[in-house]
Every structure is written in structure tokens, then in C-alpha cells.
């Protein structure tokens, strides 16, 4: 491409395109990193919700009076606790967004992350 004076327009266009491609690549990398961070953040929020729901289920179960002819064995208590953990995990990771606590925490933390 012919130059104007000492300036080669082809080199300027090439440099501009290269810089634009570099900026686009860096922006894409940032978006991908943010997407990964968002995914990890949502998983952490769901795990927190799971812990909260488990504690809630445990307290609810404690309000039910024990009765019957045979006392609960230690194995039965462990099984109930594990069962409550699984129910809590399933609730928090359900497609219906659990009880909504994870979504609220996620939105709040994502908003606050931009302010850091």
C-alpha cells in the first residue's frame, strides 16, 4: 500500500487490527474467567444454602417428640442426619432454585465483588 509521506497506511491498519484483536481476546478471557468465578460463586452459595437447610431440618426433627417402644439407636440417629444432609443438598441444587437463599446471596456477593 502506498505511503503518505513517511507514514505507511498498511502498517497503521495492521497495528490497529492487531491491537483490536488483542483487546478482544483479553476481554473474552476476562469474560470466561468471570463466568468461571460466577459458576464457583453460585456453587458456594448453593452449598451454604444446603448447610442452612440441613440445620433447619435438624431443628425441625428435634421438635418431634420421641416415642415408641424402642429408643433410637446411634446408627439410626446417624442415618437420619445423613438423610437430612442429602435432602438439604437436593433442595439447594434443584432446578427450582431451592428456597431462594443461594440466589439472593449470589446476587449480593456478585454485586459487592464489583465494588472491591
N, C-alpha and C. Protein backbone atom coordinates (compact mmCIF):
# COMPACT_ATOMS: atom_id res chain seq x y z
N UNK A 1 0.86 -1.16 0.00
CA UNK A 1 0.00 0.00 0.00
C UNK A 1 0.91 1.23 0.00
N UNK A 2 0.60 2.20 -0.83
CA UNK A 2 1.46 3.37 -0.89
C UNK A 2 1.35 4.18 0.39
N UNK A 3 2.48 4.80 0.77
CA UNK A 3 2.52 5.59 1.98
C UNK A 3 2.30 7.05 1.70
N UNK A 4 1.89 7.77 2.68
CA UNK A 4 1.72 9.21 2.59
C UNK A 4 2.89 9.81 3.34
N UNK A 5 3.78 10.41 2.62
CA UNK A 5 4.98 10.93 3.26
C UNK A 5 5.78 9.76 3.79
N UNK A 6 6.11 9.76 5.05
CA UNK A 6 6.86 8.67 5.68
C UNK A 6 5.94 7.68 6.38
N UNK A 7 4.64 7.87 6.33
CA UNK A 7 3.68 7.03 7.04
C UNK A 7 3.15 5.96 6.09
N UNK A 8 3.21 4.71 6.50
CA UNK A 8 2.68 3.61 5.71
C UNK A 8 1.31 3.24 6.28
N UNK A 9 0.26 3.50 5.53
CA UNK A 9 -1.12 3.28 5.99
C UNK A 9 -1.37 1.81 6.26
N UNK A 10 -0.80 0.94 5.46
CA UNK A 10 -0.97 -0.50 5.67
C UNK A 10 -0.47 -0.94 7.02
N UNK A 11 0.69 -0.42 7.45
CA UNK A 11 1.23 -0.77 8.77
C UNK A 11 0.33 -0.26 9.89
N UNK A 12 -0.20 0.95 9.71
CA UNK A 12 -1.09 1.53 10.73
C UNK A 12 -2.34 0.68 10.87
N UNK A 13 -2.93 0.28 9.74
CA UNK A 13 -4.14 -0.55 9.76
C UNK A 13 -3.84 -1.90 10.40
N UNK A 14 -2.70 -2.49 10.03
CA UNK A 14 -2.32 -3.78 10.62
C UNK A 14 -2.13 -3.68 12.13
N UNK A 15 -1.46 -2.64 12.57
CA UNK A 15 -1.24 -2.44 14.00
C UNK A 15 -2.56 -2.21 14.73
N UNK A 16 -3.44 -1.43 14.12
CA UNK A 16 -4.75 -1.17 14.73
C UNK A 16 -5.56 -2.46 14.83
N UNK A 17 -5.55 -3.27 13.76
CA UNK A 17 -6.27 -4.55 13.79
C UNK A 17 -5.67 -5.49 14.83
N UNK A 18 -4.35 -5.52 14.92
CA UNK A 18 -3.70 -6.39 15.89
C UNK A 18 -4.06 -5.96 17.31
N UNK A 19 -4.06 -4.66 17.58
CA UNK A 19 -4.42 -4.16 18.91
C UNK A 19 -5.88 -4.46 19.22
N UNK A 20 -6.73 -4.30 18.21
CA UNK A 20 -8.15 -4.59 18.39
C UNK A 20 -8.36 -6.07 18.70
N UNK A 21 -7.66 -6.94 17.96
CA UNK A 21 -7.76 -8.39 18.21
C UNK A 21 -7.24 -8.74 19.59
N UNK A 22 -6.16 -8.10 20.01
CA UNK A 22 -5.59 -8.35 21.33
C UNK A 22 -6.57 -7.94 22.42
N UNK A 23 -7.19 -6.75 22.25
CA UNK A 23 -8.18 -6.28 23.22
C UNK A 23 -9.38 -7.20 23.27
N UNK A 24 -9.83 -7.67 22.09
CA UNK A 24 -10.97 -8.59 22.04
C UNK A 24 -10.64 -9.90 22.74
N UNK A 25 -9.43 -10.39 22.52
CA UNK A 25 -9.00 -11.64 23.16
C UNK A 25 -8.93 -11.47 24.67
N UNK A 26 -8.37 -10.35 25.12
CA UNK A 26 -8.27 -10.11 26.56
C UNK A 26 -9.66 -9.97 27.18
N UNK A 27 -10.57 -9.28 26.49
CA UNK A 27 -11.94 -9.13 27.00
C UNK A 27 -12.63 -10.49 27.08
N UNK A 28 -12.41 -11.33 26.07
CA UNK A 28 -13.01 -12.66 26.06
C UNK A 28 -12.46 -13.49 27.22
N UNK A 29 -11.14 -13.41 27.45
CA UNK A 29 -10.55 -14.14 28.57
C UNK A 29 -11.14 -13.68 29.90
N UNK A 30 -11.31 -12.36 30.05
CA UNK A 30 -11.89 -11.83 31.29
C UNK A 30 -13.32 -12.33 31.48
N UNK A 31 -14.08 -12.34 30.37
CA UNK A 31 -15.47 -12.83 30.46
C UNK A 31 -15.50 -14.30 30.84
N UNK A 32 -14.60 -15.10 30.27
CA UNK A 32 -14.55 -16.52 30.60
C UNK A 32 -14.14 -16.72 32.06
N UNK A 33 -13.16 -15.94 32.53
CA UNK A 33 -12.75 -16.04 33.93
C UNK A 33 -13.89 -15.63 34.84
N UNK A 34 -14.61 -14.56 34.48
CA UNK A 34 -15.75 -14.12 35.29
C UNK A 34 -16.84 -15.19 35.30
N UNK A 35 -17.05 -15.84 34.14
CA UNK A 35 -18.06 -16.90 34.08
C UNK A 35 -17.67 -18.06 34.99
N UNK A 36 -16.36 -18.42 35.00
CA UNK A 36 -15.90 -19.48 35.89
C UNK A 36 -16.08 -19.07 37.34
N UNK A 37 -15.69 -17.81 37.64
CA UNK A 37 -15.83 -17.32 39.01
C UNK A 37 -17.30 -17.30 39.41
N UNK A 38 -18.18 -16.88 38.49
CA UNK A 38 -19.61 -16.85 38.79
C UNK A 38 -20.14 -18.25 39.06
N UNK A 39 -19.65 -19.22 38.29
CA UNK A 39 -20.10 -20.60 38.48
C UNK A 39 -19.64 -21.10 39.85
N UNK A 40 -18.40 -20.81 40.21
CA UNK A 40 -17.88 -21.23 41.52
C UNK A 40 -18.61 -20.50 42.65
N UNK A 41 -18.90 -19.23 42.43
CA UNK A 41 -19.62 -18.46 43.44
C UNK A 41 -21.01 -19.04 43.66
N UNK A 42 -21.70 -19.38 42.58
CA UNK A 42 -23.04 -19.95 42.71
C UNK A 42 -22.99 -21.30 43.41
N UNK A 43 -21.97 -22.10 43.11
CA UNK A 43 -21.83 -23.39 43.79
C UNK A 43 -21.62 -23.20 45.29
N UNK A 44 -20.78 -22.23 45.65
CA UNK A 44 -20.53 -21.95 47.06
C UNK A 44 -21.81 -21.47 47.75
N UNK A 45 -22.59 -20.65 47.06
CA UNK A 45 -23.85 -20.16 47.62
C UNK A 45 -24.84 -21.31 47.80
N UNK A 46 -24.87 -22.24 46.84
CA UNK A 46 -25.75 -23.40 46.97
C UNK A 46 -25.32 -24.29 48.13
N UNK A 47 -24.01 -24.44 48.31
CA UNK A 47 -23.52 -25.24 49.44
C UNK A 47 -23.89 -24.58 50.76
N UNK A 48 -23.79 -23.25 50.82
CA UNK A 48 -24.19 -22.55 52.04
C UNK A 48 -25.68 -22.76 52.30
N UNK A 49 -26.49 -22.65 51.26
CA UNK A 49 -27.93 -22.88 51.41
C UNK A 49 -28.19 -24.31 51.88
N UNK A 50 -27.43 -25.25 51.37
CA UNK A 50 -27.57 -26.64 51.77
C UNK A 50 -27.30 -26.81 53.26
N UNK A 51 -26.25 -26.16 53.74
CA UNK A 51 -25.92 -26.22 55.18
C UNK A 51 -27.05 -25.60 55.99
N UNK A 52 -27.56 -24.48 55.54
CA UNK A 52 -28.65 -23.80 56.24
C UNK A 52 -29.90 -24.69 56.30
N UNK A 53 -30.26 -25.28 55.16
CA UNK A 53 -31.45 -26.14 55.11
C UNK A 53 -31.24 -27.37 56.00
N UNK A 54 -30.02 -27.91 56.01
CA UNK A 54 -29.73 -29.06 56.87
C UNK A 54 -29.94 -28.71 58.33
N UNK A 55 -29.42 -27.55 58.74
CA UNK A 55 -29.61 -27.11 60.13
C UNK A 55 -31.09 -26.92 60.45
N UNK A 56 -31.82 -26.39 59.49
CA UNK A 56 -33.25 -26.17 59.68
C UNK A 56 -33.97 -27.52 59.84
N UNK A 57 -33.65 -28.49 58.98
CA UNK A 57 -34.27 -29.80 59.07
C UNK A 57 -33.93 -30.49 60.40
N UNK A 58 -32.69 -30.33 60.81
CA UNK A 58 -32.25 -30.93 62.07
C UNK A 58 -33.04 -30.36 63.25
N UNK A 59 -33.24 -29.05 63.24
CA UNK A 59 -34.01 -28.41 64.31
C UNK A 59 -35.49 -28.80 64.23
N UNK A 60 -36.00 -28.94 63.03
CA UNK A 60 -37.40 -29.36 62.88
C UNK A 60 -37.58 -30.77 63.42
N UNK A 61 -36.62 -31.64 63.11
CA UNK A 61 -36.71 -33.02 63.59
C UNK A 61 -36.61 -33.07 65.12
N UNK A 62 -35.86 -32.15 65.70
CA UNK A 62 -35.70 -32.12 67.17
C UNK A 62 -37.00 -31.74 67.87
N UNK A 63 -37.91 -31.07 67.17
CA UNK A 63 -39.17 -30.67 67.80
C UNK A 63 -40.18 -31.81 67.87
N UNK A 64 -39.94 -32.87 67.10
CA UNK A 64 -40.86 -34.00 67.10
C UNK A 64 -40.55 -34.86 68.32
N UNK A 65 -41.55 -35.07 69.16
CA UNK A 65 -41.29 -35.86 70.37
C UNK A 65 -40.97 -37.31 70.02
N UNK A 66 -39.98 -37.84 70.74
CA UNK A 66 -39.62 -39.24 70.53
C UNK A 66 -40.61 -40.10 71.29
N UNK A 67 -40.99 -41.15 70.69
CA UNK A 67 -41.94 -42.03 71.34
C UNK A 67 -41.80 -43.41 70.75
N UNK A 68 -42.46 -44.31 71.33
CA UNK A 68 -42.40 -45.68 70.83
C UNK A 68 -41.84 -46.60 71.88
N UNK A 69 -41.81 -47.86 71.53
CA UNK A 69 -41.34 -48.87 72.47
C UNK A 69 -39.82 -48.95 72.54
N UNK A 70 -39.17 -48.64 71.43
CA UNK A 70 -37.72 -48.79 71.37
C UNK A 70 -37.08 -47.42 71.16
N UNK A 71 -36.01 -47.15 71.91
CA UNK A 71 -35.29 -45.89 71.72
C UNK A 71 -34.51 -45.94 70.42
N UNK A 72 -34.22 -44.73 69.90
CA UNK A 72 -33.41 -44.64 68.69
C UNK A 72 -31.99 -45.06 69.01
N UNK A 73 -31.43 -45.84 68.12
CA UNK A 73 -30.02 -46.22 68.29
C UNK A 73 -29.14 -45.13 67.71
N UNK A 74 -27.86 -45.20 68.02
CA UNK A 74 -26.92 -44.22 67.49
C UNK A 74 -26.86 -44.32 65.97
N UNK A 75 -26.94 -45.53 65.44
CA UNK A 75 -26.94 -45.73 63.99
C UNK A 75 -28.13 -45.06 63.32
N UNK A 76 -29.28 -45.15 63.98
CA UNK A 76 -30.49 -44.53 63.44
C UNK A 76 -30.36 -43.01 63.42
N UNK A 77 -29.75 -42.45 64.47
CA UNK A 77 -29.55 -41.01 64.52
C UNK A 77 -28.58 -40.55 63.44
N UNK A 78 -27.52 -41.33 63.23
CA UNK A 78 -26.56 -41.00 62.17
C UNK A 78 -27.24 -41.07 60.81
N UNK A 79 -28.04 -42.12 60.60
CA UNK A 79 -28.75 -42.26 59.33
C UNK A 79 -29.68 -41.08 59.08
N UNK A 80 -30.43 -40.67 60.11
CA UNK A 80 -31.34 -39.53 59.95
C UNK A 80 -30.57 -38.25 59.60
N UNK A 81 -29.43 -38.05 60.24
CA UNK A 81 -28.62 -36.87 59.96
C UNK A 81 -28.10 -36.89 58.52
N UNK A 82 -27.62 -38.06 58.08
CA UNK A 82 -27.14 -38.18 56.70
C UNK A 82 -28.29 -37.99 55.71
N UNK A 83 -29.42 -38.51 56.04
CA UNK A 83 -30.62 -38.36 55.20
C UNK A 83 -31.00 -36.88 55.09
N UNK A 84 -30.98 -36.18 56.20
CA UNK A 84 -31.29 -34.75 56.19
C UNK A 84 -30.27 -33.97 55.35
N UNK A 85 -28.99 -34.37 55.42
CA UNK A 85 -27.96 -33.71 54.60
C UNK A 85 -28.25 -33.88 53.12
N UNK A 86 -28.62 -35.08 52.73
CA UNK A 86 -28.91 -35.35 51.31
C UNK A 86 -30.16 -34.59 50.85
N UNK A 87 -31.17 -34.56 51.70
CA UNK A 87 -32.38 -33.80 51.35
C UNK A 87 -32.02 -32.33 51.17
N UNK A 88 -31.22 -31.79 52.09
CA UNK A 88 -30.82 -30.39 52.02
C UNK A 88 -30.03 -30.12 50.75
N UNK A 89 -29.12 -31.03 50.39
CA UNK A 89 -28.32 -30.86 49.17
C UNK A 89 -29.22 -30.88 47.94
N UNK A 90 -30.16 -31.81 47.90
CA UNK A 90 -31.08 -31.89 46.76
C UNK A 90 -31.96 -30.66 46.66
N UNK A 91 -32.40 -30.14 47.79
CA UNK A 91 -33.23 -28.94 47.78
C UNK A 91 -32.45 -27.76 47.23
N UNK A 92 -31.22 -27.57 47.69
CA UNK A 92 -30.44 -26.40 47.29
C UNK A 92 -29.97 -26.48 45.85
N UNK A 93 -29.83 -27.67 45.29
CA UNK A 93 -29.35 -27.81 43.93
C UNK A 93 -30.46 -28.12 42.94
N UNK A 94 -31.70 -28.00 43.37
CA UNK A 94 -32.82 -28.31 42.48
C UNK A 94 -32.99 -27.22 41.42
N UNK A 95 -33.69 -27.57 40.37
CA UNK A 95 -33.94 -26.63 39.28
C UNK A 95 -34.83 -25.47 39.71
N UNK A 96 -35.58 -25.66 40.78
CA UNK A 96 -36.46 -24.61 41.28
C UNK A 96 -35.72 -23.63 42.18
N UNK A 97 -34.40 -23.71 42.22
CA UNK A 97 -33.53 -22.80 42.96
C UNK A 97 -33.71 -22.92 44.47
N UNK A 98 -33.97 -24.09 44.94
CA UNK A 98 -34.04 -24.34 46.37
C UNK A 98 -35.03 -23.44 47.08
N UNK A 99 -34.62 -22.89 48.21
CA UNK A 99 -35.50 -22.00 48.95
C UNK A 99 -35.25 -20.54 48.57
N UNK A 100 -34.30 -20.33 47.66
CA UNK A 100 -34.03 -18.97 47.16
C UNK A 100 -32.89 -18.26 47.87
N UNK A 101 -32.38 -18.84 48.93
CA UNK A 101 -31.31 -18.21 49.68
C UNK A 101 -30.02 -18.12 48.86
N UNK A 102 -29.69 -19.18 48.14
CA UNK A 102 -28.46 -19.19 47.33
C UNK A 102 -28.50 -18.09 46.27
N UNK A 103 -29.64 -17.92 45.65
CA UNK A 103 -29.78 -16.90 44.60
C UNK A 103 -29.59 -15.49 45.17
N UNK A 104 -30.16 -15.25 46.33
CA UNK A 104 -30.06 -13.93 46.96
C UNK A 104 -28.61 -13.65 47.37
N UNK A 105 -27.96 -14.64 47.99
CA UNK A 105 -26.57 -14.47 48.40
C UNK A 105 -25.68 -14.27 47.18
N UNK A 106 -25.92 -15.05 46.12
CA UNK A 106 -25.14 -14.93 44.89
C UNK A 106 -25.24 -13.53 44.29
N UNK A 107 -26.46 -13.02 44.19
CA UNK A 107 -26.65 -11.68 43.63
C UNK A 107 -25.96 -10.63 44.47
N UNK A 108 -26.06 -10.74 45.78
CA UNK A 108 -25.44 -9.78 46.68
C UNK A 108 -23.92 -9.82 46.58
N UNK A 109 -23.37 -11.02 46.58
CA UNK A 109 -21.91 -11.15 46.52
C UNK A 109 -21.37 -10.73 45.15
N UNK A 110 -22.11 -11.04 44.10
CA UNK A 110 -21.68 -10.63 42.76
C UNK A 110 -21.69 -9.11 42.64
N UNK A 111 -22.70 -8.48 43.21
CA UNK A 111 -22.79 -7.02 43.20
C UNK A 111 -21.65 -6.41 44.01
N UNK A 112 -21.37 -6.98 45.17
CA UNK A 112 -20.31 -6.45 46.04
C UNK A 112 -18.92 -6.71 45.48
N UNK A 113 -18.76 -7.77 44.68
CA UNK A 113 -17.46 -8.09 44.09
C UNK A 113 -17.01 -6.98 43.16
N UNK A 114 -17.94 -6.34 42.47
CA UNK A 114 -17.60 -5.21 41.59
C UNK A 114 -17.13 -4.00 42.35
N UNK A 115 -17.51 -3.89 43.62
CA UNK A 115 -17.13 -2.73 44.45
C UNK A 115 -15.78 -2.91 45.13
N UNK A 116 -15.18 -4.09 45.03
CA UNK A 116 -13.91 -4.34 45.71
C UNK A 116 -12.74 -3.75 44.97
